[in-house]
Amino acid sequence: MKSGKCPKCGSTEVYTKRSGMQSGYTVGMGFANTKHMEADDYICMACGYFEQYLVDVSSKLKDLPSKWKKAGQ
């Protein structure tokens, strides 16, 4: 989606907006430790497929790997 092409239908009618669907997210890092994150939203106008990507993940969530379990393990 970030390239402007839908991975589901192949259309290039993909549009993006920072915090387009929601003003942001609260990511829980542990007891009383949360981070507010903005997301870039992508929508395919041909099929309706939708993706979101959190902004500044590496700097804002650098401690997340020690708090969350890695998927697939």
PDB file of N, CA and C in Angstrom:
ATOM      1  N   MET A   1       0.820  -1.188   0.000  1.00  0.00           N
ATOM      2  CA  MET A   1       0.000   0.000   0.000  1.00  0.00           C
ATOM      3  C   MET A   1       0.867   1.257   0.000  1.00  0.00           C
ATOM      4  N   LYS A   2       1.964   1.242   0.736  1.00  0.00           N
ATOM      5  CA  LYS A   2       2.815   2.422   0.812  1.00  0.00           C
ATOM      6  C   LYS A   2       3.376   2.810  -0.553  1.00  0.00           C
ATOM      7  N   SER A   3       3.474   1.849  -1.441  1.00  0.00           N
ATOM      8  CA  SER A   3       3.991   2.121  -2.787  1.00  0.00           C
ATOM      9  C   SER A   3       2.924   2.718  -3.695  1.00  0.00           C
ATOM     10  N   GLY A   4       1.667   2.711  -3.241  1.00  0.00           N
ATOM     11  CA  GLY A   4       0.576   3.230  -4.050  1.00  0.00           C
ATOM     12  C   GLY A   4      -0.157   2.165  -4.837  1.00  0.00           C
ATOM     13  N   LYS A   5       0.186   0.888  -4.574  1.00  0.00           N
ATOM     14  CA  LYS A   5      -0.480  -0.217  -5.255  1.00  0.00           C
ATOM     15  C   LYS A   5      -1.107  -1.136  -4.216  1.00  0.00           C
ATOM     16  N   CYS A   6      -2.368  -1.484  -4.418  1.00  0.00           N
ATOM     17  CA  CYS A   6      -3.091  -2.351  -3.498  1.00  0.00           C
ATOM     18  C   CYS A   6      -2.579  -3.799  -3.606  1.00  0.00           C
ATOM     19  N   PRO A   7      -2.210  -4.420  -2.471  1.00  0.00           N
ATOM     20  CA  PRO A   7      -1.730  -5.802  -2.519  1.00  0.00           C
ATOM     21  C   PRO A   7      -2.843  -6.825  -2.751  1.00  0.00           C
ATOM     22  N   LYS A   8      -4.084  -6.417  -2.594  1.00  0.00           N
ATOM     23  CA  LYS A   8      -5.213  -7.338  -2.765  1.00  0.00           C
ATOM     24  C   LYS A   8      -5.721  -7.388  -4.201  1.00  0.00           C
ATOM     25  N   CYS A   9      -5.929  -6.199  -4.826  1.00  0.00           N
ATOM     26  CA  CYS A   9      -6.524  -6.187  -6.165  1.00  0.00           C
ATOM     27  C   CYS A   9      -5.597  -5.625  -7.241  1.00  0.00           C
ATOM     28  N   GLY A  10      -4.471  -5.020  -6.832  1.00  0.00           N
ATOM     29  CA  GLY A  10      -3.514  -4.481  -7.795  1.00  0.00           C
ATOM     30  C   GLY A  10      -3.815  -3.073  -8.278  1.00  0.00           C
ATOM     31  N   SER A  11      -4.883  -2.473  -7.804  1.00  0.00           N
ATOM     32  CA  SER A  11      -5.254  -1.123  -8.229  1.00  0.00           C
ATOM     33  C   SER A  11      -4.241  -0.098  -7.723  1.00  0.00           C
ATOM     34  N   THR A  12      -4.106   0.980  -8.470  1.00  0.00           N
ATOM     35  CA  THR A  12      -3.266   2.095  -8.033  1.00  0.00           C
ATOM     36  C   THR A  12      -4.117   3.246  -7.494  1.00  0.00           C
ATOM     37  N   GLU A  13      -5.396   2.995  -7.262  1.00  0.00           N
ATOM     38  CA  GLU A  13      -6.294   3.990  -6.671  1.00  0.00           C
ATOM     39  C   GLU A  13      -6.208   3.904  -5.145  1.00  0.00           C
ATOM     40  N   VAL A  14      -5.006   4.137  -4.625  1.00  0.00           N
ATOM     41  CA  VAL A  14      -4.737   4.056  -3.193  1.00  0.00           C
ATOM     42  C   VAL A  14      -4.503   5.473  -2.677  1.00  0.00           C
ATOM     43  N   TYR A  15      -5.173   5.805  -1.575  1.00  0.00           N
ATOM     44  CA  TYR A  15      -5.062   7.131  -0.976  1.00  0.00           C
ATOM     45  C   TYR A  15      -4.605   6.999   0.471  1.00  0.00           C
ATOM     46  N   THR A  16      -3.885   8.012   0.963  1.00  0.00           N
ATOM     47  CA  THR A  16      -3.345   7.961   2.312  1.00  0.00           C
ATOM     48  C   THR A  16      -3.562   9.277   3.041  1.00  0.00           C
ATOM     49  N   LYS A  17      -3.643   9.178   4.368  1.00  0.00           N
ATOM     50  CA  LYS A  17      -3.762  10.367   5.207  1.00  0.00           C
ATOM     51  C   LYS A  17      -3.257  10.024   6.602  1.00  0.00           C
ATOM     52  N   ARG A  18      -2.510  10.922   7.208  1.00  0.00           N
ATOM     53  CA  ARG A  18      -2.063  10.750   8.598  1.00  0.00           C
ATOM     54  C   ARG A  18      -3.275  10.863   9.508  1.00  0.00           C
ATOM     55  N   SER A  19      -3.470   9.853  10.348  1.00  0.00           N
ATOM     56  CA  SER A  19      -4.598   9.801  11.292  1.00  0.00           C
ATOM     57  C   SER A  19      -5.933  10.037  10.600  1.00  0.00           C
ATOM     58  N   GLY A  20      -6.105   9.431   9.443  1.00  0.00           N
ATOM     59  CA  GLY A  20      -7.314   9.631   8.651  1.00  0.00           C
ATOM     60  C   GLY A  20      -8.575   9.040   9.254  1.00  0.00           C
ATOM     61  N   MET A  21      -8.495   7.853   9.822  1.00  0.00           N
ATOM     62  CA  MET A  21      -9.675   7.185  10.364  1.00  0.00           C
ATOM     63  C   MET A  21      -9.831   7.408  11.864  1.00  0.00           C
ATOM     64  N   GLN A  22      -8.738   7.704  12.530  1.00  0.00           N
ATOM     65  CA  GLN A  22      -8.762   7.860  13.984  1.00  0.00           C
ATOM     66  C   GLN A  22      -7.631   8.812  14.359  1.00  0.00           C
ATOM     67  N   SER A  23      -7.797   9.559  15.437  1.00  0.00           N
ATOM     68  CA  SER A  23      -6.798  10.576  15.803  1.00  0.00           C
ATOM     69  C   SER A  23      -5.530   9.993  16.401  1.00  0.00           C
ATOM     70  N   GLY A  24      -5.481   8.698  16.590  1.00  0.00           N
ATOM     71  CA  GLY A  24      -4.288   8.051  17.120  1.00  0.00           C
ATOM     72  C   GLY A  24      -4.649   6.842  17.946  1.00  0.00           C
ATOM     73  N   TYR A  25      -3.625   6.203  18.486  1.00  0.00           N
ATOM     74  CA  TYR A  25      -3.802   4.994  19.270  1.00  0.00           C
ATOM     75  C   TYR A  25      -2.997   5.089  20.549  1.00  0.00           C
ATOM     76  N   THR A  26      -3.459   4.411  21.567  1.00  0.00           N
ATOM     77  CA  THR A  26      -2.704   4.284  22.798  1.00  0.00           C
ATOM     78  C   THR A  26      -2.150   2.874  22.842  1.00  0.00           C
ATOM     79  N   VAL A  27      -0.839   2.772  22.916  1.00  0.00           N
ATOM     80  CA  VAL A  27      -0.177   1.473  22.952  1.00  0.00           C
ATOM     81  C   VAL A  27       0.267   1.216  24.388  1.00  0.00           C
ATOM     82  N   GLY A  28      -0.211   0.110  24.958  1.00  0.00           N
ATOM     83  CA  GLY A  28       0.150  -0.243  26.324  1.00  0.00           C
ATOM     84  C   GLY A  28       1.525  -0.871  26.393  1.00  0.00           C
ATOM     85  N   MET A  29       2.373  -0.320  27.241  1.00  0.00           N
ATOM     86  CA  MET A  29       3.729  -0.830  27.402  1.00  0.00           C
ATOM     87  C   MET A  29       3.889  -1.551  28.744  1.00  0.00           C
ATOM     88  N   GLY A  30       2.894  -1.516  29.564  1.00  0.00           N
ATOM     89  CA  GLY A  30       2.956  -2.110  30.890  1.00  0.00           C
ATOM     90  C   GLY A  30       2.089  -1.298  31.829  1.00  0.00           C
ATOM     91  N   PHE A  31       2.117  -1.631  33.084  1.00  0.00           N
ATOM     92  CA  PHE A  31       1.278  -0.962  34.070  1.00  0.00           C
ATOM     93  C   PHE A  31       1.540   0.546  34.073  1.00  0.00           C
ATOM     94  N   ALA A  32       0.513   1.327  33.778  1.00  0.00           N
ATOM     95  CA  ALA A  32       0.560   2.796  33.784  1.00  0.00           C
ATOM     96  C   ALA A  32       1.610   3.378  32.847  1.00  0.00           C
ATOM     97  N   ASN A  33       2.022   2.622  31.862  1.00  0.00           N
ATOM     98  CA  ASN A  33       3.009   3.103  30.897  1.00  0.00           C
ATOM     99  C   ASN A  33       2.420   2.949  29.496  1.00  0.00           C
ATOM    100  N   THR A  34       1.960   4.050  28.918  1.00  0.00           N
ATOM    101  CA  THR A  34       1.362   4.010  27.586  1.00  0.00           C
ATOM    102  C   THR A  34       2.019   5.050  26.688  1.00  0.00           C
ATOM    103  N   LYS A  35       1.909   4.831  25.394  1.00  0.00           N
ATOM    104  CA  LYS A  35       2.426   5.763  24.399  1.00  0.00           C
ATOM    105  C   LYS A  35       1.297   6.111  23.435  1.00  0.00           C
ATOM    106  N   HIS A  36       1.136   7.397  23.139  1.00  0.00           N
ATOM    107  CA  HIS A  36       0.164   7.821  22.135  1.00  0.00           C
ATOM    108  C   HIS A  36       0.868   7.799  20.780  1.00  0.00           C
ATOM    109  N   MET A  37       0.266   7.136  19.809  1.00  0.00           N
ATOM    110  CA  MET A  37       0.874   6.973  18.488  1.00  0.00           C
ATOM    111  C   MET A  37      -0.083   7.453  17.402  1.00  0.00           C
ATOM    112  N   GLU A  38       0.460   8.118  16.394  1.00  0.00           N
ATOM    113  CA  GLU A  38      -0.317   8.446  15.205  1.00  0.00           C
ATOM    114  C   GLU A  38      -0.110   7.323  14.186  1.00  0.00           C
ATOM    115  N   ALA A  39      -1.043   7.208  13.251  1.00  0.00           N
ATOM    116  CA  ALA A  39      -0.943   6.178  12.226  1.00  0.00           C
ATOM    117  C   ALA A  39      -1.182   6.786  10.854  1.00  0.00           C
ATOM    118  N   ASP A  40      -0.469   6.266   9.861  1.00  0.00           N
ATOM    119  CA  ASP A  40      -0.734   6.599   8.470  1.00  0.00           C
ATOM    120  C   ASP A  40      -1.747   5.577   7.962  1.00  0.00           C
ATOM    121  N   ASP A  41      -2.867   6.053   7.416  1.00  0.00           N
ATOM    122  CA  ASP A  41      -3.932   5.188   6.914  1.00  0.00           C
ATOM    123  C   ASP A  41      -3.881   5.123   5.397  1.00  0.00           C
ATOM    124  N   TYR A  42      -4.105   3.930   4.851  1.00  0.00           N
ATOM    125  CA  TYR A  42      -4.121   3.708   3.403  1.00  0.00           C
ATOM    126  C   TYR A  42      -5.408   2.990   3.035  1.00  0.00           C
ATOM    127  N   ILE A  43      -6.110   3.493   2.008  1.00  0.00           N
ATOM    128  CA  ILE A  43      -7.365   2.896   1.562  1.00  0.00           C
ATOM    129  C   ILE A  43      -7.331   2.718   0.047  1.00  0.00           C
ATOM    130  N   CYS A  44      -7.693   1.517  -0.408  1.00  0.00           N
ATOM    131  CA  CYS A  44      -7.842   1.254  -1.839  1.00  0.00           C
ATOM    132  C   CYS A  44      -9.275   1.595  -2.232  1.00  0.00           C
ATOM    133  N   MET A  45      -9.427   2.518  -3.144  1.00  0.00           N
ATOM    134  CA  MET A  45     -10.768   2.932  -3.578  1.00  0.00           C
ATOM    135  C   MET A  45     -11.423   1.911  -4.500  1.00  0.00           C
ATOM    136  N   ALA A  46     -10.652   0.981  -5.054  1.00  0.00           N
ATOM    137  CA  ALA A  46     -11.223  -0.025  -5.956  1.00  0.00           C
ATOM    138  C   ALA A  46     -11.877  -1.181  -5.189  1.00  0.00           C
ATOM    139  N   CYS A  47     -11.216  -1.649  -4.115  1.00  0.00           N
ATOM    140  CA  CYS A  47     -11.758  -2.817  -3.410  1.00  0.00           C
ATOM    141  C   CYS A  47     -12.057  -2.560  -1.940  1.00  0.00           C
ATOM    142  N   GLY A  48     -11.632  -1.423  -1.398  1.00  0.00           N
ATOM    143  CA  GLY A  48     -11.903  -1.089  -0.008  1.00  0.00           C
ATOM    144  C   GLY A  48     -10.888  -1.620   0.987  1.00  0.00           C
ATOM    145  N   TYR A  49      -9.832  -2.260   0.504  1.00  0.00           N
ATOM    146  CA  TYR A  49      -8.806  -2.769   1.417  1.00  0.00           C
ATOM    147  C   TYR A  49      -8.187  -1.598   2.174  1.00  0.00           C
ATOM    148  N   PHE A  50      -7.865  -1.810   3.460  1.00  0.00           N
ATOM    149  CA  PHE A  50      -7.414  -0.751   4.346  1.00  0.00           C
ATOM    150  C   PHE A  50      -6.231  -1.235   5.167  1.00  0.00           C
ATOM    151  N   GLU A  51      -5.189  -0.412   5.280  1.00  0.00           N
ATOM    152  CA  GLU A  51      -4.039  -0.718   6.128  1.00  0.00           C
ATOM    153  C   GLU A  51      -3.669   0.506   6.949  1.00  0.00           C
ATOM    154  N   GLN A  52      -3.063   0.255   8.110  1.00  0.00           N
ATOM    155  CA  GLN A  52      -2.557   1.333   8.964  1.00  0.00           C
ATOM    156  C   GLN A  52      -1.130   0.998   9.382  1.00  0.00           C
ATOM    157  N   TYR A  53      -0.316   2.045   9.479  1.00  0.00           N
ATOM    158  CA  TYR A  53       1.065   1.901   9.934  1.00  0.00           C
ATOM    159  C   TYR A  53       1.327   2.954  10.998  1.00  0.00           C
ATOM    160  N   LEU A  54       1.786   2.527  12.162  1.00  0.00           N
ATOM    161  CA  LEU A  54       2.120   3.480  13.215  1.00  0.00           C
ATOM    162  C   LEU A  54       3.340   4.297  12.800  1.00  0.00           C
ATOM    163  N   VAL A  55       3.357   5.559  13.186  1.00  0.00           N
ATOM    164  CA  VAL A  55       4.421   6.492  12.824  1.00  0.00           C
ATOM    165  C   VAL A  55       5.479   6.509  13.936  1.00  0.00           C
ATOM    166  N   ASP A  56       6.743   6.592  13.564  1.00  0.00           N
ATOM    167  CA  ASP A  56       7.869   6.689  14.513  1.00  0.00           C
ATOM    168  C   ASP A  56       7.935   5.515  15.488  1.00  0.00           C
ATOM    169  N   VAL A  57       7.700   4.316  14.989  1.00  0.00           N
ATOM    170  CA  VAL A  57       7.688   3.129  15.840  1.00  0.00           C
ATOM    171  C   VAL A  57       9.036   2.908  16.525  1.00  0.00           C
ATOM    172  N   SER A  58      10.125   2.995  15.780  1.00  0.00           N
ATOM    173  CA  SER A  58      11.428   2.655  16.359  1.00  0.00           C
ATOM    174  C   SER A  58      11.837   3.594  17.486  1.00  0.00           C
ATOM    175  N   SER A  59      11.471   4.864  17.403  1.00  0.00           N
ATOM    176  CA  SER A  59      11.858   5.789  18.469  1.00  0.00           C
ATOM    177  C   SER A  59      10.872   5.778  19.640  1.00  0.00           C
ATOM    178  N   LYS A  60       9.588   5.694  19.358  1.00  0.00           N
ATOM    179  CA  LYS A  60       8.590   5.773  20.426  1.00  0.00           C
ATOM    180  C   LYS A  60       8.353   4.445  21.136  1.00  0.00           C
ATOM    181  N   LEU A  61       8.591   3.349  20.438  1.00  0.00           N
ATOM    182  CA  LEU A  61       8.311   2.032  21.020  1.00  0.00           C
ATOM    183  C   LEU A  61       9.573   1.189  21.164  1.00  0.00           C
ATOM    184  N   LYS A  62      10.706   1.821  21.410  1.00  0.00           N
ATOM    185  CA  LYS A  62      11.974   1.084  21.475  1.00  0.00           C
ATOM    186  C   LYS A  62      11.989   0.031  22.587  1.00  0.00           C
ATOM    187  N   ASP A  63      11.185   0.218  23.657  1.00  0.00           N
ATOM    188  CA  ASP A  63      11.142  -0.749  24.755  1.00  0.00           C
ATOM    189  C   ASP A  63      10.106  -1.847  24.550  1.00  0.00           C
ATOM    190  N   LEU A  64       9.318  -1.773  23.489  1.00  0.00           N
ATOM    191  CA  LEU A  64       8.243  -2.735  23.268  1.00  0.00           C
ATOM    192  C   LEU A  64       8.727  -4.185  23.213  1.00  0.00           C
ATOM    193  N   PRO A  65       9.848  -4.511  22.546  1.00  0.00           N
ATOM    194  CA  PRO A  65      10.265  -5.914  22.503  1.00  0.00           C
ATOM    195  C   PRO A  65      10.506  -6.548  23.873  1.00  0.00           C
ATOM    196  N   SER A  66      10.837  -5.761  24.864  1.00  0.00           N
ATOM    197  CA  SER A  66      11.037  -6.328  26.209  1.00  0.00           C
ATOM    198  C   SER A  66       9.719  -6.473  26.963  1.00  0.00           C
ATOM    199  N   LYS A  67       8.646  -5.869  26.457  1.00  0.00           N
ATOM    200  CA  LYS A  67       7.342  -5.900  27.126  1.00  0.00           C
ATOM    201  C   LYS A  67       6.341  -6.839  26.457  1.00  0.00           C
ATOM    202  N   TRP A  68       6.454  -7.018  25.152  1.00  0.00           N
ATOM    203  CA  TRP A  68       5.519  -7.835  24.390  1.00  0.00           C
ATOM    204  C   TRP A  68       6.211  -9.130  23.934  1.00  0.00           C
ATOM    205  N   LYS A  69       5.426 -10.141  23.631  1.00  0.00           N
ATOM    206  CA  LYS A  69       5.942 -11.406  23.123  1.00  0.00           C
ATOM    207  C   LYS A  69       6.038 -11.333  21.606  1.00  0.00           C
ATOM    208  N   LYS A  70       7.133 -11.830  21.048  1.00  0.00           N
ATOM    209  CA  LYS A  70       7.314 -11.833  19.596  1.00  0.00           C
ATOM    210  C   LYS A  70       6.352 -12.841  18.958  1.00  0.00           C
ATOM    211  N   ALA A  71       5.686 -12.413  17.892  1.00  0.00           N
ATOM    212  CA  ALA A  71       4.720 -13.271  17.203  1.00  0.00           C
ATOM    213  C   ALA A  71       5.404 -14.503  16.605  1.00  0.00           C
ATOM    214  N   GLY A  72       4.710 -15.624  16.618  1.00  0.00           N
ATOM    215  CA  GLY A  72       5.226 -16.861  16.020  1.00  0.00           C
ATOM    216  C   GLY A  72       6.110 -17.675  16.932  1.00  0.00           C
ATOM    217  N   GLN A  73       6.238 -17.261  18.186  1.00  0.00           N
ATOM    218  CA  GLN A  73       7.104 -18.007  19.107  1.00  0.00           C
ATOM    219  C   GLN A  73       6.320 -18.534  20.279  1.00  0.00           C
TER     220      GLN A  73
END
